[in-house]
């Protein structure tokens, strides 16, 4: 019997140059890829679009990412293993997995090859849709809180005042939930007016409409200064954070760093500043994915899903992500009947 990658073709969504947005995406029929050493061939069940995906299309990684055109985007996915590359252990055909496939991507297709080292077995209780939100969005929130020194278990470190900006986005919704889990931190969050109740329901103690003066000032009615900030939004310079950070020292973990913010971070490091900006440069780890899946199974965290699209309408999900108005995660479901 021939392997799935020997002669079959598959549907995929690709772009063949920088720029173009959703209109630059093309629906194509291409050969099923073959797994190389250390890789898995996965039948994709669900993929999650992240801002990083369309930023690459815009050219933020030029000239290194994408490394070649045409390019099949999206690197956060869930699926089923159908074939193993050489020297792969710990997986077998039929296993359900989640994976972060960076920088190779490939999630907007019926099949994708992923590095076995970037994949984790998916627990039976975790759906493909929920699973596809863990490898980047949930893991990034976890890494950001850890980098900011926020203990995530009851009794784990001192109580801290935590601020999450853009808290209704994919990473933000997880950051609020994770920061609230320990029970002893005070969580302040910013989001748009329409999502105030949602974010409050995720565990935030204070929720600020970023369209108000309080939201702009990043400080709630309690007047608390922040020990740790998970900064998921864009457009806030360091000068906006400095006055609202705890006097004894506060950390802003920047998830969307620009050249200017990296320069500020280096300066803070060189000067041993108490108040400092830190770009998040970690990459998700398998043990983090395992731990987060455990929290999903226990009902302690959940993915907030904005919308689901079949592969044939993936460009609509891409446009929704680019609009900046998604609440939670945007999923491309490989089942055509997805709503």
C-alpha atoms as a PDB file:
ATOM      1  CA  UNK A   1       0.000   0.000   0.000  1.00  0.00           C
ATOM      2  CA  UNK A   2       1.421   3.374  -0.960  1.00  0.00           C
ATOM      3  CA  UNK A   3       1.914   6.080   1.661  1.00  0.00           C
ATOM      4  CA  UNK A   4      -0.360   9.159   1.671  1.00  0.00           C
ATOM      5  CA  UNK A   5       2.493  11.317   0.433  1.00  0.00           C
ATOM      6  CA  UNK A   6       3.599   9.112  -2.460  1.00  0.00           C
ATOM      7  CA  UNK A   7       1.228  10.241  -5.193  1.00  0.00           C
ATOM      8  CA  UNK A   8      -1.824  12.000  -3.767  1.00  0.00           C
ATOM      9  CA  UNK A   9      -2.698  15.641  -4.043  1.00  0.00           C
ATOM     10  CA  UNK A  10      -4.423  17.872  -1.517  1.00  0.00           C
ATOM     11  CA  UNK A  11      -6.223  21.178  -1.271  1.00  0.00           C
ATOM     12  CA  UNK A  12      -4.197  24.042   0.149  1.00  0.00           C
ATOM     13  CA  UNK A  13      -4.224  27.826   0.479  1.00  0.00           C
ATOM     14  CA  UNK A  14      -1.029  29.628  -0.512  1.00  0.00           C
ATOM     15  CA  UNK A  15       0.404  33.014  -1.424  1.00  0.00           C
ATOM     16  CA  UNK A  16       3.175  33.513  -3.950  1.00  0.00           C
ATOM     17  CA  UNK A  17       4.523  36.969  -3.071  1.00  0.00           C
ATOM     18  CA  UNK A  18       4.662  39.480  -0.245  1.00  0.00           C
ATOM     19  CA  UNK A  19       1.570  41.589   0.374  1.00  0.00           C
ATOM     20  CA  UNK A  20      -1.924  41.214  -0.979  1.00  0.00           C
ATOM     21  CA  UNK A  21      -3.760  40.347   2.224  1.00  0.00           C
ATOM     22  CA  UNK A  22      -6.713  37.985   1.929  1.00  0.00           C
ATOM     23  CA  UNK A  23      -6.996  38.671  -1.809  1.00  0.00           C
ATOM     24  CA  UNK A  24      -3.412  37.433  -2.214  1.00  0.00           C
ATOM     25  CA  UNK A  25      -4.354  33.951  -1.001  1.00  0.00           C
ATOM     26  CA  UNK A  26      -4.853  31.317  -3.684  1.00  0.00           C
ATOM     27  CA  UNK A  27      -6.767  28.039  -3.432  1.00  0.00           C
ATOM     28  CA  UNK A  28      -4.635  25.358  -5.091  1.00  0.00           C
ATOM     29  CA  UNK A  29      -4.242  21.610  -5.540  1.00  0.00           C
ATOM     30  CA  UNK A  30      -0.705  20.483  -4.669  1.00  0.00           C
ATOM     31  CA  UNK A  31       1.113  17.215  -3.885  1.00  0.00           C
ATOM     32  CA  UNK A  32       0.856  15.897  -0.341  1.00  0.00           C
ATOM     33  CA  UNK A  33       4.248  16.618   1.294  1.00  0.00           C
ATOM     34  CA  UNK A  34       6.561  13.830   2.474  1.00  0.00           C
ATOM     35  CA  UNK A  35       7.908  13.783   6.046  1.00  0.00           C
ATOM     36  CA  UNK A  36      11.696  13.991   6.303  1.00  0.00           C
ATOM     37  CA  UNK A  37      13.880  12.859   9.185  1.00  0.00           C
ATOM     38  CA  UNK A  38      12.333  13.865  12.501  1.00  0.00           C
ATOM     39  CA  UNK A  39       9.024  14.915  10.920  1.00  0.00           C
ATOM     40  CA  UNK A  40       5.410  13.783  11.026  1.00  0.00           C
ATOM     41  CA  UNK A  41       2.907  13.896   8.192  1.00  0.00           C
ATOM     42  CA  UNK A  42      -0.335  15.114   9.746  1.00  0.00           C
ATOM     43  CA  UNK A  43      -3.867  15.161   8.389  1.00  0.00           C
ATOM     44  CA  UNK A  44      -4.895  18.624   9.518  1.00  0.00           C
ATOM     45  CA  UNK A  45      -8.211  18.808  11.385  1.00  0.00           C
ATOM     46  CA  UNK A  46      -8.070  22.443  12.521  1.00  0.00           C
ATOM     47  CA  UNK A  47      -5.630  25.319  12.182  1.00  0.00           C
ATOM     48  CA  UNK A  48      -5.558  28.644  13.985  1.00  0.00           C
ATOM     49  CA  UNK A  49      -4.704  31.927  12.252  1.00  0.00           C
ATOM     50  CA  UNK A  50      -2.396  34.213  14.257  1.00  0.00           C
ATOM     51  CA  UNK A  51      -1.349  37.800  13.483  1.00  0.00           C
ATOM     52  CA  UNK A  52       2.176  36.503  12.924  1.00  0.00           C
ATOM     53  CA  UNK A  53       0.906  34.594   9.873  1.00  0.00           C
ATOM     54  CA  UNK A  54      -0.281  37.659   7.965  1.00  0.00           C
ATOM     55  CA  UNK A  55       2.620  39.760   9.215  1.00  0.00           C
ATOM     56  CA  UNK A  56       4.902  37.320   7.402  1.00  0.00           C
ATOM     57  CA  UNK A  57       2.792  37.852   4.292  1.00  0.00           C
ATOM     58  CA  UNK A  58       3.278  41.608   4.729  1.00  0.00           C
ATOM     59  CA  UNK A  59       7.040  41.031   4.733  1.00  0.00           C
ATOM     60  CA  UNK A  60       7.974  41.399   8.404  1.00  0.00           C
ATOM     61  CA  UNK A  61      10.367  38.429   8.062  1.00  0.00           C
ATOM     62  CA  UNK A  62      11.723  39.421   4.645  1.00  0.00           C
ATOM     63  CA  UNK A  63      13.917  38.073   3.115  1.00  0.00           C
ATOM     64  CA  UNK A  64      14.194  35.004   5.354  1.00  0.00           C
ATOM     65  CA  UNK A  65      10.529  34.197   5.998  1.00  0.00           C
ATOM     66  CA  UNK A  66       8.923  32.862   3.953  1.00  0.00           C
ATOM     67  CA  UNK A  67      12.061  31.164   2.672  1.00  0.00           C
ATOM     68  CA  UNK A  68      10.458  30.449  -0.688  1.00  0.00           C
ATOM     69  CA  UNK A  69       7.248  30.938  -2.678  1.00  0.00           C
ATOM     70  CA  UNK A  70       4.598  29.704  -3.097  1.00  0.00           C
ATOM     71  CA  UNK A  71       4.071  29.463   0.662  1.00  0.00           C
ATOM     72  CA  UNK A  72       1.365  27.665   2.645  1.00  0.00           C
ATOM     73  CA  UNK A  73       0.822  29.710   5.832  1.00  0.00           C
ATOM     74  CA  UNK A  74      -0.351  29.055   9.409  1.00  0.00           C
ATOM     75  CA  UNK A  75       1.797  27.310  11.976  1.00  0.00           C
ATOM     76  CA  UNK A  76      -0.648  26.436  14.815  1.00  0.00           C
ATOM     77  CA  UNK A  77      -2.614  23.261  14.159  1.00  0.00           C
ATOM     78  CA  UNK A  78      -4.209  20.069  15.381  1.00  0.00           C
ATOM     79  CA  UNK A  79      -4.577  16.842  13.459  1.00  0.00           C
ATOM     80  CA  UNK A  80      -3.893  13.133  13.121  1.00  0.00           C
ATOM     81  CA  UNK A  81      -0.539  11.501  12.389  1.00  0.00           C
ATOM     82  CA  UNK A  82      -0.652   9.497   9.177  1.00  0.00           C
ATOM     83  CA  UNK A  83       3.032   8.877   8.430  1.00  0.00           C
ATOM     84  CA  UNK A  84       6.357   9.045  10.285  1.00  0.00           C
ATOM     85  CA  UNK A  85       9.643  10.310   8.942  1.00  0.00           C
ATOM     86  CA  UNK A  86      12.908   8.565   9.798  1.00  0.00           C
ATOM     87  CA  UNK A  87      14.078   8.491  13.431  1.00  0.00           C
ATOM     88  CA  UNK A  88      10.780   9.577  14.937  1.00  0.00           C
ATOM     89  CA  UNK A  89       9.859   8.061  18.280  1.00  0.00           C
ATOM     90  CA  UNK A  90       6.976   8.698  20.640  1.00  0.00           C
ATOM     91  CA  UNK A  91       4.364   8.900  17.877  1.00  0.00           C
ATOM     92  CA  UNK A  92       2.556   6.432  15.656  1.00  0.00           C
ATOM     93  CA  UNK A  93      -0.001   6.670  12.845  1.00  0.00           C
ATOM     94  CA  UNK A  94      -3.452   7.411  14.221  1.00  0.00           C
ATOM     95  CA  UNK A  95      -2.194   9.589  17.087  1.00  0.00           C
ATOM     96  CA  UNK A  96      -4.057  12.855  17.594  1.00  0.00           C
ATOM     97  CA  UNK A  97      -1.609  15.730  18.056  1.00  0.00           C
ATOM     98  CA  UNK A  98      -1.237  19.468  18.373  1.00  0.00           C
ATOM     99  CA  UNK A  99       1.791  21.254  16.941  1.00  0.00           C
ATOM    100  CA  UNK A 100       3.479  24.560  16.315  1.00  0.00           C
ATOM    101  CA  UNK A 101       5.085  24.410  12.901  1.00  0.00           C
ATOM    102  CA  UNK A 102       7.418  27.402  12.894  1.00  0.00           C
ATOM    103  CA  UNK A 103       8.836  28.610  10.565  1.00  0.00           C
ATOM    104  CA  UNK A 104       7.660  25.999   8.072  1.00  0.00           C
ATOM    105  CA  UNK A 105       3.934  26.650   8.577  1.00  0.00           C
ATOM    106  CA  UNK A 106       1.681  24.673   6.193  1.00  0.00           C
ATOM    107  CA  UNK A 107      -1.466  24.606   8.328  1.00  0.00           C
ATOM    108  CA  UNK A 108      -3.828  25.875   5.613  1.00  0.00           C
ATOM    109  CA  UNK A 109      -3.909  22.520   3.838  1.00  0.00           C
ATOM    110  CA  UNK A 110      -5.400  19.086   4.197  1.00  0.00           C
ATOM    111  CA  UNK A 111      -1.986  17.677   5.162  1.00  0.00           C
ATOM    112  CA  UNK A 112       1.113  19.237   6.727  1.00  0.00           C
ATOM    113  CA  UNK A 113       4.547  18.058   7.778  1.00  0.00           C
ATOM    114  CA  UNK A 114       5.580  19.119  11.276  1.00  0.00           C
ATOM    115  CA  UNK A 115       8.661  18.568  13.386  1.00  0.00           C
ATOM    116  CA  UNK A 116       8.049  15.814  15.926  1.00  0.00           C
ATOM    117  CA  UNK A 117       9.920  17.905  18.498  1.00  0.00           C
ATOM    118  CA  UNK A 118       7.272  20.649  18.151  1.00  0.00           C
ATOM    119  CA  UNK A 119       4.285  18.328  18.539  1.00  0.00           C
ATOM    120  CA  UNK A 120       2.445  16.936  21.548  1.00  0.00           C
ATOM    121  CA  UNK A 121      -0.082  14.121  21.846  1.00  0.00           C
ATOM    122  CA  UNK A 122      -3.610  15.514  22.104  1.00  0.00           C
ATOM    123  CA  UNK A 123      -5.679  14.241  24.985  1.00  0.00           C
ATOM    124  CA  UNK A 124      -8.958  12.585  23.887  1.00  0.00           C
ATOM    125  CA  UNK A 125     -10.998  15.145  25.835  1.00  0.00           C
ATOM    126  CA  UNK A 126      -9.465  18.054  23.894  1.00  0.00           C
ATOM    127  CA  UNK A 127     -11.206  18.801  20.595  1.00  0.00           C
ATOM    128  CA  UNK A 128      -9.258  19.672  17.472  1.00  0.00           C
ATOM    129  CA  UNK A 129     -10.576  23.247  17.642  1.00  0.00           C
ATOM    130  CA  UNK A 130      -9.536  23.724  21.275  1.00  0.00           C
ATOM    131  CA  UNK A 131      -6.246  21.945  20.603  1.00  0.00           C
ATOM    132  CA  UNK A 132      -5.379  24.178  17.671  1.00  0.00           C
ATOM    133  CA  UNK A 133      -5.416  27.198  20.020  1.00  0.00           C
ATOM    134  CA  UNK A 134      -2.844  25.845  22.475  1.00  0.00           C
ATOM    135  CA  UNK A 135       0.580  25.580  20.740  1.00  0.00           C
ATOM    136  CA  UNK A 136       1.017  29.319  20.118  1.00  0.00           C
ATOM    137  CA  UNK A 137      -1.739  31.358  21.766  1.00  0.00           C
ATOM    138  CA  UNK A 138      -2.010  29.588  25.127  1.00  0.00           C
ATOM    139  CA  UNK A 139       1.703  28.751  25.253  1.00  0.00           C
ATOM    140  CA  UNK A 140       2.665  32.371  24.508  1.00  0.00           C
ATOM    141  CA  UNK A 141       0.428  33.590  27.346  1.00  0.00           C
ATOM    142  CA  UNK A 142       2.023  31.062  29.689  1.00  0.00           C
ATOM    143  CA  UNK A 143       5.567  32.040  28.670  1.00  0.00           C
ATOM    144  CA  UNK A 144       4.806  35.750  28.998  1.00  0.00           C
ATOM    145  CA  UNK A 145       3.467  35.381  32.546  1.00  0.00           C
ATOM    146  CA  UNK A 146       6.422  33.218  33.484  1.00  0.00           C
ATOM    147  CA  UNK A 147       8.838  35.780  32.022  1.00  0.00           C
ATOM    148  CA  UNK A 148       7.099  38.502  34.040  1.00  0.00           C
ATOM    149  CA  UNK A 149       7.581  36.490  37.226  1.00  0.00           C
ATOM    150  CA  UNK A 150       3.914  35.690  37.815  1.00  0.00           C
ATOM    151  CA  UNK A 151       3.390  32.477  39.785  1.00  0.00           C
ATOM    152  CA  UNK A 152       0.619  30.376  38.262  1.00  0.00           C
ATOM    153  CA  UNK A 153      -0.205  28.090  41.185  1.00  0.00           C
ATOM    154  CA  UNK A 154      -1.760  28.878  44.551  1.00  0.00           C
ATOM    155  CA  UNK A 155       1.033  29.838  46.921  1.00  0.00           C
ATOM    156  CA  UNK A 156       3.514  30.101  44.029  1.00  0.00           C
ATOM    157  CA  UNK A 157       5.327  33.353  44.749  1.00  0.00           C
ATOM    158  CA  UNK A 158       3.923  36.649  46.036  1.00  0.00           C
ATOM    159  CA  UNK A 159       0.614  38.184  44.972  1.00  0.00           C
ATOM    160  CA  UNK A 160       1.108  40.518  42.035  1.00  0.00           C
ATOM    161  CA  UNK A 161      -0.848  43.140  40.193  1.00  0.00           C
ATOM    162  CA  UNK A 162      -0.996  41.913  36.604  1.00  0.00           C
ATOM    163  CA  UNK A 163      -2.078  43.929  33.560  1.00  0.00           C
ATOM    164  CA  UNK A 164      -3.073  42.263  30.276  1.00  0.00           C
ATOM    165  CA  UNK A 165      -3.530  44.565  27.259  1.00  0.00           C
ATOM    166  CA  UNK A 166      -5.704  43.546  24.289  1.00  0.00           C
ATOM    167  CA  UNK A 167      -7.204  40.982  26.638  1.00  0.00           C
ATOM    168  CA  UNK A 168      -9.974  39.893  24.263  1.00  0.00           C
ATOM    169  CA  UNK A 169      -7.508  38.636  21.640  1.00  0.00           C
ATOM    170  CA  UNK A 170      -6.207  35.109  21.223  1.00  0.00           C
ATOM    171  CA  UNK A 171      -3.240  35.403  23.600  1.00  0.00           C
ATOM    172  CA  UNK A 172      -4.950  37.893  25.911  1.00  0.00           C
ATOM    173  CA  UNK A 173      -7.913  35.648  26.685  1.00  0.00           C
ATOM    174  CA  UNK A 174      -5.541  32.898  27.796  1.00  0.00           C
ATOM    175  CA  UNK A 175      -3.301  35.311  29.759  1.00  0.00           C
ATOM    176  CA  UNK A 176      -6.263  36.554  31.810  1.00  0.00           C
ATOM    177  CA  UNK A 177      -7.378  33.008  32.608  1.00  0.00           C
ATOM    178  CA  UNK A 178      -3.896  31.787  33.520  1.00  0.00           C
ATOM    179  CA  UNK A 179      -3.101  34.827  35.693  1.00  0.00           C
ATOM    180  CA  UNK A 180      -6.402  34.334  37.541  1.00  0.00           C
ATOM    181  CA  UNK A 181      -5.838  30.629  38.240  1.00  0.00           C
ATOM    182  CA  UNK A 182      -3.608  31.055  41.290  1.00  0.00           C
ATOM    183  CA  UNK A 183      -6.283  33.090  43.011  1.00  0.00           C
ATOM    184  CA  UNK A 184      -3.973  35.571  44.729  1.00  0.00           C
ATOM    185  CA  UNK A 185      -3.076  37.938  41.873  1.00  0.00           C
ATOM    186  CA  UNK A 186      -5.070  41.052  40.974  1.00  0.00           C
ATOM    187  CA  UNK A 187      -5.705  41.028  37.228  1.00  0.00           C
ATOM    188  CA  UNK A 188      -6.462  44.205  35.289  1.00  0.00           C
ATOM    189  CA  UNK A 189      -7.285  43.907  31.588  1.00  0.00           C
ATOM    190  CA  UNK A 190      -7.921  46.269  28.680  1.00  0.00           C
ATOM    191  CA  UNK A 191     -10.207  45.542  25.737  1.00  0.00           C
ATOM    192  CA  UNK A 192     -12.922  47.088  23.588  1.00  0.00           C
ATOM    193  CA  UNK A 193     -16.270  48.064  25.112  1.00  0.00           C
ATOM    194  CA  UNK A 194     -18.128  45.131  23.544  1.00  0.00           C
ATOM    195  CA  UNK A 195     -15.874  42.574  25.262  1.00  0.00           C
ATOM    196  CA  UNK A 196     -15.841  43.933  28.820  1.00  0.00           C
ATOM    197  CA  UNK A 197     -18.216  41.262  30.168  1.00  0.00           C
ATOM    198  CA  UNK A 198     -16.416  38.449  28.356  1.00  0.00           C
ATOM    199  CA  UNK A 199     -13.019  39.396  29.804  1.00  0.00           C
ATOM    200  CA  UNK A 200     -14.517  39.875  33.268  1.00  0.00           C
ATOM    201  CA  UNK A 201     -15.970  36.379  32.950  1.00  0.00           C
ATOM    202  CA  UNK A 202     -12.515  34.993  32.188  1.00  0.00           C
ATOM    203  CA  UNK A 203     -11.358  36.098  35.631  1.00  0.00           C
ATOM    204  CA  UNK A 204     -10.190  39.722  35.366  1.00  0.00           C
ATOM    205  CA  UNK A 205     -10.749  41.789  38.534  1.00  0.00           C
ATOM    206  CA  UNK A 206     -10.792  45.121  36.689  1.00  0.00           C
ATOM    207  CA  UNK A 207     -11.611  45.537  32.999  1.00  0.00           C
ATOM    208  CA  UNK A 208     -10.859  48.809  31.225  1.00  0.00           C
ATOM    209  CA  UNK A 209     -12.347  49.996  27.941  1.00  0.00           C
ATOM    210  CA  UNK A 210      -9.326  51.109  25.958  1.00  0.00           C
ATOM    211  CA  UNK A 211     -11.464  53.852  24.426  1.00  0.00           C
ATOM    212  CA  UNK A 212     -11.783  55.621  27.797  1.00  0.00           C
ATOM    213  CA  UNK A 213      -9.280  57.767  29.677  1.00  0.00           C
ATOM    214  CA  UNK A 214      -8.733  54.937  32.190  1.00  0.00           C
ATOM    215  CA  UNK A 215      -8.012  52.524  29.384  1.00  0.00           C
ATOM    216  CA  UNK A 216      -5.597  54.925  27.727  1.00  0.00           C
ATOM    217  CA  UNK A 217      -3.855  55.520  31.055  1.00  0.00           C
ATOM    218  CA  UNK A 218      -3.679  51.729  31.697  1.00  0.00           C
ATOM    219  CA  UNK A 219      -4.862  52.212  35.267  1.00  0.00           C
ATOM    220  CA  UNK A 220      -8.162  51.145  36.803  1.00  0.00           C
ATOM    221  CA  UNK A 221     -10.383  52.712  39.468  1.00  0.00           C
ATOM    222  CA  UNK A 222      -8.451  50.900  42.214  1.00  0.00           C
ATOM    223  CA  UNK A 223      -5.386  52.951  41.291  1.00  0.00           C
ATOM    224  CA  UNK A 224      -3.134  49.909  41.601  1.00  0.00           C
ATOM    225  CA  UNK A 225       0.240  50.024  39.923  1.00  0.00           C
ATOM    226  CA  UNK A 226       1.301  46.927  37.993  1.00  0.00           C
ATOM    227  CA  UNK A 227       4.054  44.485  38.881  1.00  0.00           C
ATOM    228  CA  UNK A 228       3.728  42.587  35.609  1.00  0.00           C
ATOM    229  CA  UNK A 229       2.300  43.470  32.200  1.00  0.00           C
ATOM    230  CA  UNK A 230       1.524  41.056  29.373  1.00  0.00           C
ATOM    231  CA  UNK A 231       1.450  43.493  26.472  1.00  0.00           C
ATOM    232  CA  UNK A 232      -0.521  42.011  23.579  1.00  0.00           C
ATOM    233  CA  UNK A 233      -1.576  45.319  22.018  1.00  0.00           C
ATOM    234  CA  UNK A 234       0.300  47.647  19.694  1.00  0.00           C
ATOM    235  CA  UNK A 235       0.772  51.392  19.755  1.00  0.00           C
ATOM    236  CA  UNK A 236       1.815  51.933  23.388  1.00  0.00           C
ATOM    237  CA  UNK A 237       5.306  53.434  23.827  1.00  0.00           C
ATOM    238  CA  UNK A 238       7.397  52.724  26.919  1.00  0.00           C
ATOM    239  CA  UNK A 239       6.442  56.164  28.273  1.00  0.00           C
ATOM    240  CA  UNK A 240       2.835  54.952  28.659  1.00  0.00           C
ATOM    241  CA  UNK A 241       3.876  52.082  30.930  1.00  0.00           C
ATOM    242  CA  UNK A 242       6.520  53.700  33.131  1.00  0.00           C
ATOM    243  CA  UNK A 243       4.097  55.757  35.316  1.00  0.00           C
ATOM    244  CA  UNK A 244       1.792  52.786  35.990  1.00  0.00           C
ATOM    245  CA  UNK A 245       4.455  50.247  36.954  1.00  0.00           C
ATOM    246  CA  UNK A 246       5.073  49.426  40.609  1.00  0.00           C
ATOM    247  CA  UNK A 247       7.629  51.734  42.201  1.00  0.00           C
ATOM    248  CA  UNK A 248       9.639  48.780  43.484  1.00  0.00           C
ATOM    249  CA  UNK A 249       9.934  47.552  39.913  1.00  0.00           C
ATOM    250  CA  UNK A 250       7.692  46.190  37.178  1.00  0.00           C
ATOM    251  CA  UNK A 251       8.159  44.117  34.032  1.00  0.00           C
ATOM    252  CA  UNK A 252       6.423  44.691  30.702  1.00  0.00           C
ATOM    253  CA  UNK A 253       6.631  41.598  28.477  1.00  0.00           C
ATOM    254  CA  UNK A 254       6.145  42.833  24.920  1.00  0.00           C
ATOM    255  CA  UNK A 255       4.599  40.303  22.544  1.00  0.00           C
ATOM    256  CA  UNK A 256       4.733  42.595  19.498  1.00  0.00           C
ATOM    257  CA  UNK A 257       8.193  44.162  19.805  1.00  0.00           C
ATOM    258  CA  UNK A 258       9.417  46.704  17.290  1.00  0.00           C
ATOM    259  CA  UNK A 259      12.989  47.961  16.766  1.00  0.00           C
ATOM    260  CA  UNK A 260      12.363  50.881  19.137  1.00  0.00           C
ATOM    261  CA  UNK A 261      11.078  48.625  21.926  1.00  0.00           C
ATOM    262  CA  UNK A 262      14.018  46.237  21.529  1.00  0.00           C
ATOM    263  CA  UNK A 263      16.365  49.220  21.922  1.00  0.00           C
ATOM    264  CA  UNK A 264      14.525  50.243  25.098  1.00  0.00           C
ATOM    265  CA  UNK A 265      14.751  46.678  26.425  1.00  0.00           C
ATOM    266  CA  UNK A 266      18.526  46.550  25.822  1.00  0.00           C
ATOM    267  CA  UNK A 267      18.967  49.885  27.595  1.00  0.00           C
ATOM    268  CA  UNK A 268      17.000  48.626  30.617  1.00  0.00           C
ATOM    269  CA  UNK A 269      19.116  45.489  30.732  1.00  0.00           C
ATOM    270  CA  UNK A 270      22.373  47.435  30.551  1.00  0.00           C
ATOM    271  CA  UNK A 271      21.257  49.841  33.281  1.00  0.00           C
ATOM    272  CA  UNK A 272      19.781  47.185  35.605  1.00  0.00           C
ATOM    273  CA  UNK A 273      16.523  49.155  35.614  1.00  0.00           C
ATOM    274  CA  UNK A 274      13.843  48.278  38.190  1.00  0.00           C
ATOM    275  CA  UNK A 275      11.151  49.066  35.646  1.00  0.00           C
ATOM    276  CA  UNK A 276      11.899  47.293  32.397  1.00  0.00           C
ATOM    277  CA  UNK A 277      10.592  46.211  29.019  1.00  0.00           C
ATOM    278  CA  UNK A 278      11.324  42.633  27.934  1.00  0.00           C
ATOM    279  CA  UNK A 279      10.593  41.283  24.426  1.00  0.00           C
ATOM    280  CA  UNK A 280       9.285  37.715  24.520  1.00  0.00           C
ATOM    281  CA  UNK A 281      11.738  35.573  22.580  1.00  0.00           C
ATOM    282  CA  UNK A 282      11.030  32.083  23.970  1.00  0.00           C
ATOM    283  CA  UNK A 283       9.507  29.388  21.815  1.00  0.00           C
ATOM    284  CA  UNK A 284       6.757  26.999  22.960  1.00  0.00           C
ATOM    285  CA  UNK A 285       7.864  23.766  24.602  1.00  0.00           C
ATOM    286  CA  UNK A 286       6.227  20.342  24.511  1.00  0.00           C
ATOM    287  CA  UNK A 287       5.897  20.239  28.304  1.00  0.00           C
ATOM    288  CA  UNK A 288       4.042  23.563  28.213  1.00  0.00           C
ATOM    289  CA  UNK A 289       1.612  22.212  25.619  1.00  0.00           C
ATOM    290  CA  UNK A 290       1.043  19.126  27.787  1.00  0.00           C
ATOM    291  CA  UNK A 291       0.412  21.229  30.902  1.00  0.00           C
ATOM    292  CA  UNK A 292      -2.008  23.531  29.075  1.00  0.00           C
ATOM    293  CA  UNK A 293      -3.961  20.597  27.675  1.00  0.00           C
ATOM    294  CA  UNK A 294      -4.298  19.327  31.227  1.00  0.00           C
ATOM    295  CA  UNK A 295      -5.807  22.657  32.275  1.00  0.00           C
ATOM    296  CA  UNK A 296      -8.275  22.492  29.372  1.00  0.00           C
ATOM    297  CA  UNK A 297      -9.352  18.980  30.394  1.00  0.00           C
ATOM    298  CA  UNK A 298      -9.801  20.156  34.005  1.00  0.00           C
ATOM    299  CA  UNK A 299     -11.995  23.020  32.789  1.00  0.00           C
ATOM    300  CA  UNK A 300      -9.624  25.620  34.228  1.00  0.00           C
ATOM    301  CA  UNK A 301      -8.958  27.350  30.905  1.00  0.00           C
ATOM    302  CA  UNK A 302     -10.678  27.348  27.529  1.00  0.00           C
ATOM    303  CA  UNK A 303     -10.078  28.745  24.096  1.00  0.00           C
ATOM    304  CA  UNK A 304     -12.364  31.627  23.196  1.00  0.00           C
ATOM    305  CA  UNK A 305     -13.242  31.032  19.545  1.00  0.00           C
ATOM    306  CA  UNK A 306     -14.272  34.057  17.492  1.00  0.00           C
ATOM    307  CA  UNK A 307     -15.244  32.171  14.346  1.00  0.00           C
ATOM    308  CA  UNK A 308     -14.695  29.017  12.315  1.00  0.00           C
ATOM    309  CA  UNK A 309     -14.250  28.762   8.552  1.00  0.00           C
ATOM    310  CA  UNK A 310     -13.891  25.791   6.195  1.00  0.00           C
ATOM    311  CA  UNK A 311     -10.697  25.668   4.151  1.00  0.00           C
ATOM    312  CA  UNK A 312     -12.640  26.953   1.136  1.00  0.00           C
ATOM    313  CA  UNK A 313     -13.296  30.188   3.072  1.00  0.00           C
ATOM    314  CA  UNK A 314      -9.942  30.490   4.809  1.00  0.00           C
ATOM    315  CA  UNK A 315      -9.405  33.878   3.160  1.00  0.00           C
ATOM    316  CA  UNK A 316     -12.381  35.206   5.133  1.00  0.00           C
ATOM    317  CA  UNK A 317     -10.757  34.168   8.390  1.00  0.00           C
ATOM    318  CA  UNK A 318      -7.499  35.747   7.212  1.00  0.00           C
ATOM    319  CA  UNK A 319      -9.297  39.046   6.547  1.00  0.00           C
ATOM    320  CA  UNK A 320     -11.011  38.876   9.948  1.00  0.00           C
ATOM    321  CA  UNK A 321      -7.665  38.427  11.688  1.00  0.00           C
ATOM    322  CA  UNK A 322      -6.149  41.336   9.754  1.00  0.00           C
ATOM    323  CA  UNK A 323      -9.068  43.563  10.778  1.00  0.00           C
ATOM    324  CA  UNK A 324      -7.932  43.405  14.405  1.00  0.00           C
ATOM    325  CA  UNK A 325     -11.521  42.924  15.587  1.00  0.00           C
ATOM    326  CA  UNK A 326     -11.503  39.226  16.431  1.00  0.00           C
ATOM    327  CA  UNK A 327     -12.576  38.180  19.910  1.00  0.00           C
ATOM    328  CA  UNK A 328     -10.381  35.210  20.727  1.00  0.00           C
ATOM    329  CA  UNK A 329      -9.196  32.763  18.090  1.00  0.00           C
ATOM    330  CA  UNK A 330      -9.972  32.350  14.390  1.00  0.00           C
ATOM    331  CA  UNK A 331     -10.126  28.722  13.306  1.00  0.00           C
ATOM    332  CA  UNK A 332      -9.901  27.138   9.877  1.00  0.00           C
ATOM    333  CA  UNK A 333     -11.745  23.848  10.107  1.00  0.00           C
ATOM    334  CA  UNK A 334     -10.872  21.240   7.519  1.00  0.00           C
ATOM    335  CA  UNK A 335     -14.515  20.081   7.501  1.00  0.00           C
ATOM    336  CA  UNK A 336     -16.418  21.926   4.793  1.00  0.00           C
ATOM    337  CA  UNK A 337     -19.576  22.039   6.915  1.00  0.00           C
ATOM    338  CA  UNK A 338     -17.888  24.190   9.598  1.00  0.00           C
ATOM    339  CA  UNK A 339     -19.892  27.258  10.520  1.00  0.00           C
END
